[in-house]
N, C-alpha and C. Protein backbone atom coordinates (compact mmCIF):
# COMPACT_ATOMS: atom_id res chain seq x y z
N MET A 1 -26.00 -48.86 47.99
CA MET A 1 -25.53 -48.66 46.63
C MET A 1 -24.13 -49.22 46.50
N THR A 2 -23.80 -49.68 45.32
CA THR A 2 -22.46 -50.17 45.04
C THR A 2 -21.59 -48.98 44.68
N THR A 3 -20.55 -48.76 45.47
CA THR A 3 -19.71 -47.59 45.20
C THR A 3 -18.23 -47.91 45.21
N THR A 4 -17.86 -49.18 45.31
CA THR A 4 -16.46 -49.50 45.40
C THR A 4 -15.75 -49.21 44.09
N THR A 5 -14.43 -48.95 44.20
CA THR A 5 -13.63 -48.67 43.01
C THR A 5 -13.65 -49.87 42.07
N THR A 6 -13.59 -51.07 42.65
CA THR A 6 -13.63 -52.29 41.83
C THR A 6 -14.89 -52.30 40.97
N THR A 7 -16.03 -52.01 41.57
CA THR A 7 -17.27 -52.00 40.81
C THR A 7 -17.26 -50.89 39.76
N ALA A 8 -16.77 -49.71 40.12
CA ALA A 8 -16.69 -48.61 39.16
C ALA A 8 -15.79 -49.01 38.00
N ASP A 9 -14.67 -49.66 38.30
CA ASP A 9 -13.77 -50.11 37.24
C ASP A 9 -14.44 -51.18 36.38
N GLU A 10 -15.15 -52.10 37.03
CA GLU A 10 -15.85 -53.15 36.30
C GLU A 10 -16.95 -52.57 35.42
N VAL A 11 -17.68 -51.58 35.93
CA VAL A 11 -18.71 -50.92 35.14
C VAL A 11 -18.08 -50.26 33.91
N ALA A 12 -16.98 -49.54 34.11
CA ALA A 12 -16.31 -48.88 32.99
C ALA A 12 -15.83 -49.91 31.96
N ARG A 13 -15.29 -51.04 32.44
CA ARG A 13 -14.81 -52.08 31.53
C ARG A 13 -15.98 -52.67 30.73
N LEU A 14 -17.10 -52.93 31.40
CA LEU A 14 -18.26 -53.49 30.71
C LEU A 14 -18.85 -52.50 29.71
N LEU A 15 -18.87 -51.23 30.08
CA LEU A 15 -19.38 -50.21 29.15
C LEU A 15 -18.49 -50.11 27.92
N GLU A 16 -17.18 -50.21 28.12
CA GLU A 16 -16.24 -50.19 27.00
C GLU A 16 -16.48 -51.39 26.08
N ARG A 17 -16.68 -52.56 26.68
CA ARG A 17 -16.97 -53.76 25.89
C ARG A 17 -18.28 -53.60 25.11
N GLN A 18 -19.25 -52.98 25.76
CA GLN A 18 -20.54 -52.78 25.09
C GLN A 18 -20.38 -51.85 23.89
N ARG A 19 -19.65 -50.76 24.08
CA ARG A 19 -19.42 -49.82 22.98
C ARG A 19 -18.66 -50.48 21.83
N ALA A 20 -17.81 -51.46 22.17
CA ALA A 20 -17.04 -52.17 21.15
C ALA A 20 -17.87 -53.23 20.43
N GLY A 21 -19.13 -53.37 20.83
CA GLY A 21 -20.03 -54.29 20.14
C GLY A 21 -20.23 -55.63 20.82
N ASP A 22 -19.72 -55.80 22.02
CA ASP A 22 -19.89 -57.05 22.77
C ASP A 22 -21.29 -57.08 23.37
N ALA A 23 -22.18 -57.86 22.76
CA ALA A 23 -23.58 -57.90 23.19
C ALA A 23 -23.73 -58.46 24.60
N ALA A 24 -22.84 -59.34 25.02
CA ALA A 24 -22.93 -59.94 26.35
C ALA A 24 -22.59 -58.94 27.45
N ALA A 25 -21.88 -57.88 27.13
CA ALA A 25 -21.46 -56.91 28.14
C ALA A 25 -22.65 -56.23 28.81
N LYS A 26 -23.69 -55.93 28.04
CA LYS A 26 -24.88 -55.28 28.62
C LYS A 26 -25.53 -56.19 29.65
N ASP A 27 -25.64 -57.46 29.32
CA ASP A 27 -26.23 -58.42 30.26
C ASP A 27 -25.39 -58.51 31.53
N GLU A 28 -24.08 -58.54 31.39
CA GLU A 28 -23.19 -58.61 32.55
C GLU A 28 -23.30 -57.34 33.39
N LEU A 29 -23.43 -56.19 32.72
CA LEU A 29 -23.57 -54.92 33.42
C LEU A 29 -24.84 -54.90 34.26
N PHE A 30 -25.94 -55.31 33.66
CA PHE A 30 -27.20 -55.32 34.40
C PHE A 30 -27.17 -56.34 35.53
N ALA A 31 -26.52 -57.48 35.31
CA ALA A 31 -26.40 -58.48 36.38
C ALA A 31 -25.58 -57.90 37.54
N LEU A 32 -24.51 -57.19 37.22
CA LEU A 32 -23.65 -56.59 38.24
C LEU A 32 -24.41 -55.54 39.06
N LEU A 33 -25.22 -54.74 38.39
CA LEU A 33 -25.89 -53.61 39.04
C LEU A 33 -27.37 -53.84 39.32
N TYR A 34 -27.87 -55.06 39.10
CA TYR A 34 -29.30 -55.32 39.19
C TYR A 34 -29.91 -54.89 40.53
N GLU A 35 -29.31 -55.29 41.63
CA GLU A 35 -29.89 -54.93 42.93
C GLU A 35 -29.85 -53.42 43.16
N ASP A 36 -28.77 -52.77 42.71
CA ASP A 36 -28.70 -51.31 42.82
C ASP A 36 -29.81 -50.66 41.99
N LEU A 37 -30.05 -51.18 40.80
CA LEU A 37 -31.08 -50.62 39.93
C LEU A 37 -32.47 -50.85 40.52
N ARG A 38 -32.70 -52.00 41.15
CA ARG A 38 -33.99 -52.25 41.81
C ARG A 38 -34.20 -51.27 42.96
N ARG A 39 -33.14 -50.99 43.72
CA ARG A 39 -33.26 -50.00 44.81
C ARG A 39 -33.59 -48.62 44.23
N LEU A 40 -32.93 -48.26 43.14
CA LEU A 40 -33.23 -46.96 42.51
C LEU A 40 -34.68 -46.91 42.03
N ALA A 41 -35.12 -47.99 41.40
CA ALA A 41 -36.51 -48.04 40.93
C ALA A 41 -37.47 -47.96 42.11
N GLY A 42 -37.13 -48.61 43.21
CA GLY A 42 -37.97 -48.53 44.41
C GLY A 42 -38.09 -47.10 44.91
N ARG A 43 -37.00 -46.36 44.87
CA ARG A 43 -37.05 -44.95 45.26
C ARG A 43 -37.94 -44.15 44.33
N GLN A 44 -37.90 -44.48 43.04
CA GLN A 44 -38.77 -43.80 42.08
C GLN A 44 -40.24 -44.00 42.46
N PHE A 45 -40.58 -45.20 42.88
CA PHE A 45 -41.97 -45.51 43.17
C PHE A 45 -42.46 -44.90 44.48
N ARG A 46 -41.58 -44.49 45.33
CA ARG A 46 -42.03 -43.80 46.54
C ARG A 46 -42.73 -42.49 46.19
N ALA A 47 -42.36 -41.89 45.07
CA ALA A 47 -42.96 -40.62 44.65
C ALA A 47 -44.08 -40.83 43.63
N GLU A 48 -44.40 -42.08 43.31
CA GLU A 48 -45.42 -42.36 42.31
C GLU A 48 -46.79 -42.55 42.94
N ARG A 49 -47.80 -42.52 42.10
CA ARG A 49 -49.17 -42.78 42.52
C ARG A 49 -49.28 -44.19 43.05
N ARG A 50 -50.19 -44.39 43.98
CA ARG A 50 -50.38 -45.71 44.58
C ARG A 50 -50.98 -46.71 43.59
N ASP A 51 -51.72 -46.23 42.59
CA ASP A 51 -52.38 -47.13 41.64
C ASP A 51 -51.52 -47.44 40.42
N HIS A 52 -50.21 -47.29 40.54
CA HIS A 52 -49.33 -47.54 39.40
C HIS A 52 -49.45 -48.99 38.96
N THR A 53 -49.36 -49.21 37.66
CA THR A 53 -49.60 -50.54 37.11
C THR A 53 -48.37 -51.44 37.11
N CYS A 54 -47.21 -50.92 37.39
CA CYS A 54 -46.03 -51.78 37.45
C CYS A 54 -45.26 -51.47 38.73
N GLY A 55 -44.18 -52.18 38.95
CA GLY A 55 -43.39 -51.99 40.15
C GLY A 55 -41.92 -51.85 39.81
N PRO A 56 -41.06 -51.79 40.82
CA PRO A 56 -39.63 -51.59 40.60
C PRO A 56 -38.99 -52.62 39.68
N THR A 57 -39.33 -53.89 39.83
CA THR A 57 -38.73 -54.91 38.97
C THR A 57 -39.11 -54.68 37.51
N ALA A 58 -40.38 -54.41 37.26
CA ALA A 58 -40.82 -54.15 35.89
C ALA A 58 -40.15 -52.90 35.33
N LEU A 59 -39.95 -51.88 36.17
CA LEU A 59 -39.29 -50.66 35.71
C LEU A 59 -37.84 -50.95 35.32
N VAL A 60 -37.13 -51.75 36.12
CA VAL A 60 -35.75 -52.11 35.77
C VAL A 60 -35.71 -52.86 34.45
N HIS A 61 -36.65 -53.77 34.26
CA HIS A 61 -36.69 -54.53 33.01
C HIS A 61 -37.02 -53.63 31.83
N ASP A 62 -37.91 -52.68 32.03
CA ASP A 62 -38.24 -51.70 30.99
C ASP A 62 -36.99 -50.88 30.64
N VAL A 63 -36.25 -50.45 31.66
CA VAL A 63 -35.03 -49.68 31.44
C VAL A 63 -34.03 -50.51 30.64
N TYR A 64 -33.90 -51.77 30.97
CA TYR A 64 -33.00 -52.66 30.25
C TYR A 64 -33.33 -52.65 28.76
N LEU A 65 -34.61 -52.78 28.43
CA LEU A 65 -35.02 -52.78 27.03
C LEU A 65 -34.82 -51.42 26.37
N ARG A 66 -35.12 -50.35 27.10
CA ARG A 66 -34.94 -49.01 26.55
C ARG A 66 -33.47 -48.71 26.26
N LEU A 67 -32.59 -49.12 27.15
CA LEU A 67 -31.16 -48.86 26.94
C LEU A 67 -30.61 -49.68 25.78
N ALA A 68 -31.23 -50.81 25.48
CA ALA A 68 -30.80 -51.62 24.35
C ALA A 68 -31.04 -50.90 23.03
N GLU A 69 -32.01 -49.98 23.02
CA GLU A 69 -32.34 -49.25 21.80
C GLU A 69 -31.40 -48.09 21.53
N LEU A 70 -30.62 -47.68 22.53
CA LEU A 70 -29.72 -46.55 22.34
C LEU A 70 -28.49 -46.98 21.54
N PRO A 71 -28.09 -46.18 20.54
CA PRO A 71 -26.97 -46.59 19.69
C PRO A 71 -25.60 -46.52 20.38
N VAL A 72 -25.40 -45.58 21.26
CA VAL A 72 -24.10 -45.41 21.91
C VAL A 72 -24.30 -45.49 23.41
N GLY A 73 -23.51 -46.32 24.06
CA GLY A 73 -23.62 -46.48 25.51
C GLY A 73 -22.84 -45.41 26.25
N ALA A 74 -22.99 -45.43 27.55
CA ALA A 74 -22.27 -44.50 28.42
C ALA A 74 -20.80 -44.89 28.49
N ARG A 75 -19.98 -43.94 28.93
CA ARG A 75 -18.54 -44.19 29.03
C ARG A 75 -18.11 -44.57 30.45
N ASP A 76 -18.93 -44.23 31.45
CA ASP A 76 -18.56 -44.52 32.84
C ASP A 76 -19.82 -44.67 33.67
N ARG A 77 -19.63 -44.96 34.95
CA ARG A 77 -20.78 -45.19 35.83
C ARG A 77 -21.68 -43.95 35.89
N ARG A 78 -21.08 -42.77 35.91
CA ARG A 78 -21.84 -41.52 35.93
C ARG A 78 -22.77 -41.43 34.72
N GLY A 79 -22.20 -41.66 33.55
CA GLY A 79 -23.00 -41.61 32.33
C GLY A 79 -24.07 -42.67 32.31
N PHE A 80 -23.72 -43.86 32.81
CA PHE A 80 -24.69 -44.94 32.86
C PHE A 80 -25.85 -44.58 33.78
N MET A 81 -25.55 -44.03 34.96
CA MET A 81 -26.61 -43.66 35.90
C MET A 81 -27.48 -42.55 35.31
N ASN A 82 -26.88 -41.63 34.55
CA ASN A 82 -27.69 -40.61 33.87
C ASN A 82 -28.63 -41.26 32.86
N LEU A 83 -28.12 -42.22 32.09
CA LEU A 83 -28.97 -42.92 31.13
C LEU A 83 -30.09 -43.69 31.83
N VAL A 84 -29.76 -44.35 32.93
CA VAL A 84 -30.76 -45.10 33.69
C VAL A 84 -31.83 -44.14 34.22
N GLY A 85 -31.40 -43.02 34.81
CA GLY A 85 -32.36 -42.04 35.32
C GLY A 85 -33.28 -41.53 34.22
N LEU A 86 -32.70 -41.23 33.07
CA LEU A 86 -33.49 -40.76 31.93
C LEU A 86 -34.46 -41.84 31.46
N ALA A 87 -33.99 -43.07 31.36
CA ALA A 87 -34.86 -44.16 30.91
C ALA A 87 -35.99 -44.42 31.91
N MET A 88 -35.68 -44.35 33.22
CA MET A 88 -36.72 -44.54 34.23
C MET A 88 -37.76 -43.43 34.14
N ARG A 89 -37.27 -42.21 34.00
CA ARG A 89 -38.20 -41.08 33.90
C ARG A 89 -39.10 -41.23 32.70
N ARG A 90 -38.52 -41.58 31.54
CA ARG A 90 -39.33 -41.74 30.33
C ARG A 90 -40.33 -42.87 30.48
N ALA A 91 -39.91 -43.96 31.11
CA ALA A 91 -40.83 -45.08 31.31
C ALA A 91 -42.01 -44.67 32.19
N LEU A 92 -41.74 -43.93 33.26
CA LEU A 92 -42.82 -43.50 34.15
C LEU A 92 -43.72 -42.46 33.48
N VAL A 93 -43.13 -41.55 32.72
CA VAL A 93 -43.93 -40.56 31.99
C VAL A 93 -44.79 -41.26 30.94
N ASP A 94 -44.21 -42.20 30.21
CA ASP A 94 -44.99 -42.94 29.21
C ASP A 94 -46.14 -43.69 29.87
N SER A 95 -45.88 -44.28 31.03
CA SER A 95 -46.92 -45.00 31.76
C SER A 95 -48.03 -44.04 32.18
N ALA A 96 -47.66 -42.86 32.67
CA ALA A 96 -48.67 -41.87 33.08
C ALA A 96 -49.50 -41.42 31.89
N ARG A 97 -48.86 -41.22 30.76
CA ARG A 97 -49.59 -40.81 29.55
C ARG A 97 -50.56 -41.90 29.10
N ARG A 98 -50.09 -43.15 29.11
CA ARG A 98 -50.99 -44.26 28.72
C ARG A 98 -52.17 -44.34 29.67
N ARG A 99 -51.92 -44.20 30.96
CA ARG A 99 -52.99 -44.28 31.97
C ARG A 99 -54.00 -43.16 31.73
N ASP A 100 -53.51 -41.95 31.42
CA ASP A 100 -54.42 -40.82 31.23
C ASP A 100 -55.23 -40.92 29.94
N ARG A 101 -54.74 -41.70 28.97
CA ARG A 101 -55.45 -41.84 27.69
C ARG A 101 -56.38 -43.05 27.65
N ARG A 102 -56.37 -43.86 28.69
CA ARG A 102 -57.19 -45.08 28.69
C ARG A 102 -58.66 -44.72 28.48
N PRO A 103 -59.32 -45.43 27.56
CA PRO A 103 -60.74 -45.14 27.32
C PRO A 103 -61.62 -45.57 28.49
N ASP A 104 -61.14 -46.47 29.32
CA ASP A 104 -61.97 -46.95 30.43
C ASP A 104 -61.80 -46.11 31.69
N ARG A 105 -61.13 -44.97 31.58
CA ARG A 105 -60.94 -44.12 32.76
C ARG A 105 -62.30 -43.67 33.27
N ARG A 106 -62.47 -43.75 34.54
CA ARG A 106 -63.74 -43.28 35.12
C ARG A 106 -63.83 -41.77 34.94
N PRO A 107 -65.02 -41.25 34.64
CA PRO A 107 -65.16 -39.82 34.41
C PRO A 107 -64.87 -38.98 35.66
N ASP A 108 -64.95 -39.60 36.84
CA ASP A 108 -64.70 -38.82 38.05
C ASP A 108 -63.21 -38.75 38.40
N ARG A 109 -62.36 -39.41 37.60
CA ARG A 109 -60.91 -39.39 37.86
C ARG A 109 -60.25 -38.45 36.87
N ALA A 110 -59.58 -37.48 37.39
CA ALA A 110 -58.88 -36.53 36.52
C ALA A 110 -57.59 -37.16 36.03
N PRO A 111 -57.07 -36.70 34.87
CA PRO A 111 -55.77 -37.16 34.41
C PRO A 111 -54.70 -36.86 35.45
N HIS A 112 -53.58 -37.57 35.35
CA HIS A 112 -52.47 -37.42 36.30
C HIS A 112 -51.83 -36.04 36.16
N HIS A 113 -52.12 -35.18 37.13
CA HIS A 113 -51.52 -33.85 37.14
C HIS A 113 -50.74 -33.63 38.41
N GLY A 114 -50.48 -34.69 39.13
CA GLY A 114 -49.73 -34.56 40.38
C GLY A 114 -50.63 -34.10 41.50
N THR A 115 -50.42 -34.67 42.68
CA THR A 115 -51.15 -34.24 43.84
C THR A 115 -50.15 -33.86 44.90
N GLU A 116 -50.62 -33.45 46.04
CA GLU A 116 -49.73 -33.06 47.13
C GLU A 116 -48.71 -34.15 47.39
N GLY A 117 -47.42 -33.82 47.30
CA GLY A 117 -46.36 -34.77 47.54
C GLY A 117 -46.08 -35.72 46.39
N GLU A 118 -46.79 -35.56 45.28
CA GLU A 118 -46.66 -36.46 44.14
C GLU A 118 -46.27 -35.64 42.92
N PRO A 119 -45.09 -35.85 42.34
CA PRO A 119 -44.67 -35.03 41.22
C PRO A 119 -45.49 -35.31 39.97
N ASP A 120 -45.73 -34.30 39.20
CA ASP A 120 -46.36 -34.46 37.90
C ASP A 120 -45.21 -34.70 36.92
N LEU A 121 -45.00 -35.97 36.56
CA LEU A 121 -43.82 -36.33 35.78
C LEU A 121 -43.81 -35.72 34.39
N GLN A 122 -44.98 -35.50 33.80
CA GLN A 122 -45.01 -34.90 32.48
C GLN A 122 -44.52 -33.45 32.55
N ARG A 123 -45.00 -32.70 33.54
CA ARG A 123 -44.55 -31.31 33.70
C ARG A 123 -43.09 -31.27 34.14
N LEU A 124 -42.70 -32.22 34.99
CA LEU A 124 -41.31 -32.28 35.42
C LEU A 124 -40.39 -32.53 34.24
N GLU A 125 -40.78 -33.40 33.34
CA GLU A 125 -39.97 -33.69 32.16
C GLU A 125 -39.72 -32.41 31.35
N LEU A 126 -40.76 -31.61 31.13
CA LEU A 126 -40.60 -30.36 30.39
C LEU A 126 -39.75 -29.35 31.16
N ALA A 127 -39.98 -29.24 32.45
CA ALA A 127 -39.20 -28.31 33.27
C ALA A 127 -37.74 -28.72 33.32
N LEU A 128 -37.48 -30.02 33.41
CA LEU A 128 -36.10 -30.49 33.46
C LEU A 128 -35.38 -30.22 32.13
N ALA A 129 -36.09 -30.32 31.02
CA ALA A 129 -35.50 -29.98 29.73
C ALA A 129 -35.11 -28.50 29.69
N ARG A 130 -35.97 -27.64 30.24
CA ARG A 130 -35.64 -26.21 30.30
C ARG A 130 -34.47 -25.96 31.24
N LEU A 131 -34.43 -26.67 32.37
CA LEU A 131 -33.30 -26.54 33.29
C LEU A 131 -32.01 -26.99 32.63
N ASP A 132 -32.05 -28.06 31.87
CA ASP A 132 -30.87 -28.56 31.17
C ASP A 132 -30.33 -27.50 30.21
N ALA A 133 -31.23 -26.79 29.53
CA ALA A 133 -30.80 -25.73 28.63
C ALA A 133 -30.24 -24.54 29.41
N PHE A 134 -30.79 -24.28 30.57
CA PHE A 134 -30.36 -23.17 31.41
C PHE A 134 -29.04 -23.47 32.10
N ASP A 135 -28.94 -24.67 32.73
CA ASP A 135 -27.72 -25.05 33.46
C ASP A 135 -27.65 -26.57 33.52
N ALA A 136 -26.81 -27.14 32.66
CA ALA A 136 -26.70 -28.59 32.54
C ALA A 136 -26.21 -29.24 33.83
N GLU A 137 -25.37 -28.56 34.60
CA GLU A 137 -24.87 -29.13 35.86
C GLU A 137 -26.00 -29.30 36.87
N LEU A 138 -26.88 -28.30 36.96
CA LEU A 138 -28.02 -28.41 37.85
C LEU A 138 -28.94 -29.56 37.41
N ALA A 139 -29.17 -29.66 36.11
CA ALA A 139 -30.04 -30.71 35.59
C ALA A 139 -29.44 -32.09 35.87
N GLU A 140 -28.12 -32.21 35.78
CA GLU A 140 -27.50 -33.50 36.05
C GLU A 140 -27.66 -33.89 37.51
N VAL A 141 -27.56 -32.93 38.41
CA VAL A 141 -27.78 -33.22 39.83
C VAL A 141 -29.22 -33.71 40.03
N VAL A 142 -30.18 -33.09 39.38
CA VAL A 142 -31.58 -33.52 39.51
C VAL A 142 -31.74 -34.94 38.97
N ARG A 143 -31.15 -35.22 37.81
CA ARG A 143 -31.27 -36.56 37.26
C ARG A 143 -30.68 -37.60 38.21
N LEU A 144 -29.53 -37.30 38.78
CA LEU A 144 -28.88 -38.27 39.65
C LEU A 144 -29.55 -38.37 41.02
N ARG A 145 -29.96 -37.23 41.59
CA ARG A 145 -30.57 -37.25 42.93
C ARG A 145 -32.02 -37.72 42.88
N PHE A 146 -32.82 -37.08 42.05
CA PHE A 146 -34.26 -37.36 42.05
C PHE A 146 -34.62 -38.54 41.15
N LEU A 147 -34.16 -38.51 39.93
CA LEU A 147 -34.58 -39.54 38.99
C LEU A 147 -33.86 -40.86 39.21
N ALA A 148 -32.55 -40.81 39.48
CA ALA A 148 -31.81 -42.05 39.75
C ALA A 148 -31.83 -42.39 41.23
N GLY A 149 -32.20 -41.44 42.09
CA GLY A 149 -32.33 -41.71 43.51
C GLY A 149 -31.03 -41.90 44.27
N LEU A 150 -29.95 -41.34 43.75
CA LEU A 150 -28.65 -41.52 44.41
C LEU A 150 -28.50 -40.57 45.60
N PRO A 151 -27.80 -41.02 46.64
CA PRO A 151 -27.53 -40.14 47.78
C PRO A 151 -26.50 -39.07 47.41
N VAL A 152 -26.46 -38.00 48.17
CA VAL A 152 -25.57 -36.87 47.91
C VAL A 152 -24.13 -37.33 47.73
N GLU A 153 -23.66 -38.21 48.61
CA GLU A 153 -22.27 -38.64 48.57
C GLU A 153 -21.93 -39.35 47.26
N GLU A 154 -22.85 -40.17 46.77
CA GLU A 154 -22.58 -40.87 45.51
C GLU A 154 -22.64 -39.91 44.33
N VAL A 155 -23.56 -38.96 44.35
CA VAL A 155 -23.62 -37.95 43.28
C VAL A 155 -22.31 -37.16 43.27
N ALA A 156 -21.84 -36.77 44.45
CA ALA A 156 -20.58 -36.04 44.54
C ALA A 156 -19.43 -36.84 43.94
N ALA A 157 -19.38 -38.13 44.25
CA ALA A 157 -18.31 -38.98 43.71
C ALA A 157 -18.42 -39.09 42.19
N LEU A 158 -19.65 -39.27 41.67
CA LEU A 158 -19.83 -39.39 40.22
C LEU A 158 -19.49 -38.10 39.49
N LEU A 159 -19.86 -36.96 40.09
CA LEU A 159 -19.61 -35.67 39.46
C LEU A 159 -18.21 -35.12 39.76
N GLU A 160 -17.52 -35.80 40.68
CA GLU A 160 -16.18 -35.38 41.10
C GLU A 160 -16.18 -33.96 41.67
N VAL A 161 -17.17 -33.73 42.55
CA VAL A 161 -17.27 -32.46 43.29
C VAL A 161 -17.53 -32.82 44.75
N SER A 162 -17.53 -31.82 45.61
CA SER A 162 -17.76 -32.08 47.03
C SER A 162 -19.25 -32.26 47.32
N ALA A 163 -19.54 -32.92 48.43
CA ALA A 163 -20.93 -33.10 48.86
C ALA A 163 -21.62 -31.75 49.08
N PRO A 164 -20.95 -30.75 49.72
CA PRO A 164 -21.60 -29.45 49.86
C PRO A 164 -21.95 -28.80 48.51
N THR A 165 -21.13 -29.03 47.49
CA THR A 165 -21.45 -28.50 46.15
C THR A 165 -22.70 -29.16 45.61
N VAL A 166 -22.82 -30.47 45.78
CA VAL A 166 -24.01 -31.18 45.32
C VAL A 166 -25.24 -30.67 46.07
N LYS A 167 -25.13 -30.51 47.39
CA LYS A 167 -26.26 -30.00 48.19
C LYS A 167 -26.68 -28.61 47.72
N ARG A 168 -25.72 -27.76 47.45
CA ARG A 168 -26.01 -26.40 46.98
C ARG A 168 -26.71 -26.45 45.62
N ARG A 169 -26.17 -27.23 44.70
CA ARG A 169 -26.79 -27.35 43.36
C ARG A 169 -28.19 -27.95 43.47
N TRP A 170 -28.36 -28.91 44.36
CA TRP A 170 -29.66 -29.55 44.57
C TRP A 170 -30.69 -28.53 45.05
N ARG A 171 -30.29 -27.69 46.03
CA ARG A 171 -31.21 -26.65 46.53
C ARG A 171 -31.60 -25.68 45.43
N VAL A 172 -30.61 -25.23 44.66
CA VAL A 172 -30.87 -24.28 43.57
C VAL A 172 -31.77 -24.92 42.52
N ALA A 173 -31.45 -26.14 42.13
CA ALA A 173 -32.24 -26.83 41.10
C ALA A 173 -33.68 -27.05 41.54
N ARG A 174 -33.87 -27.46 42.80
CA ARG A 174 -35.25 -27.66 43.30
C ARG A 174 -36.02 -26.35 43.30
N ALA A 175 -35.39 -25.27 43.73
CA ALA A 175 -36.07 -23.97 43.73
C ALA A 175 -36.41 -23.56 42.30
N TRP A 176 -35.49 -23.75 41.39
CA TRP A 176 -35.71 -23.40 39.98
C TRP A 176 -36.87 -24.21 39.42
N LEU A 177 -36.88 -25.52 39.69
CA LEU A 177 -37.94 -26.37 39.16
C LEU A 177 -39.29 -26.05 39.78
N ARG A 178 -39.31 -25.76 41.08
CA ARG A 178 -40.57 -25.36 41.74
C ARG A 178 -41.16 -24.13 41.07
N ARG A 179 -40.29 -23.15 40.81
CA ARG A 179 -40.76 -21.92 40.16
C ARG A 179 -41.28 -22.22 38.77
N GLU A 180 -40.53 -23.02 38.01
CA GLU A 180 -40.94 -23.37 36.63
C GLU A 180 -42.27 -24.12 36.62
N MET A 181 -42.42 -25.06 37.54
CA MET A 181 -43.60 -25.91 37.54
C MET A 181 -44.82 -25.22 38.11
N SER A 182 -44.60 -24.16 38.87
CA SER A 182 -45.74 -23.42 39.42
C SER A 182 -46.20 -22.33 38.46
N GLY A 183 -45.49 -22.20 37.34
CA GLY A 183 -45.87 -21.21 36.35
C GLY A 183 -45.31 -19.83 36.62
N GLY A 184 -44.38 -19.73 37.60
CA GLY A 184 -43.81 -18.44 37.98
C GLY A 184 -42.64 -18.07 37.27
């Protein structure tokens, strides 16, 4: 992952230019972070079904288009990574919904409800919304760790907290989400 101060400063500068209406800034931002975003998308696909119809590159391109539709950009790398995580999650959930609604689905295949080791992204999306209402800090850790695929150290740097704090919030958030998703 790119974590240097120079890159963080460059990301902040490009985000500021984008908010000021500089259309080229978004392209420069994605060019700067493209390999990082592909790695994040690759991490997303490790938890996806094997029969997924797109891959990490297509997911990054989808995120690029989705972020173009947002009226106000992020203010810093942390905000940008939250937006990217949200856009990736929505893209994967939308893909799962389209796959489950396909008229050509074989009758012996059940809709995507998650299997052992495979998250049910539709249920996760609802549970994460409830977690966000319950504790926004926990939800942000989930977005950055699980959805954006960032390591603990980078999440800690983005949130400006210690790595043990991120680990603690991550444990609490996972337990909370497990309980929510199991119907308990």
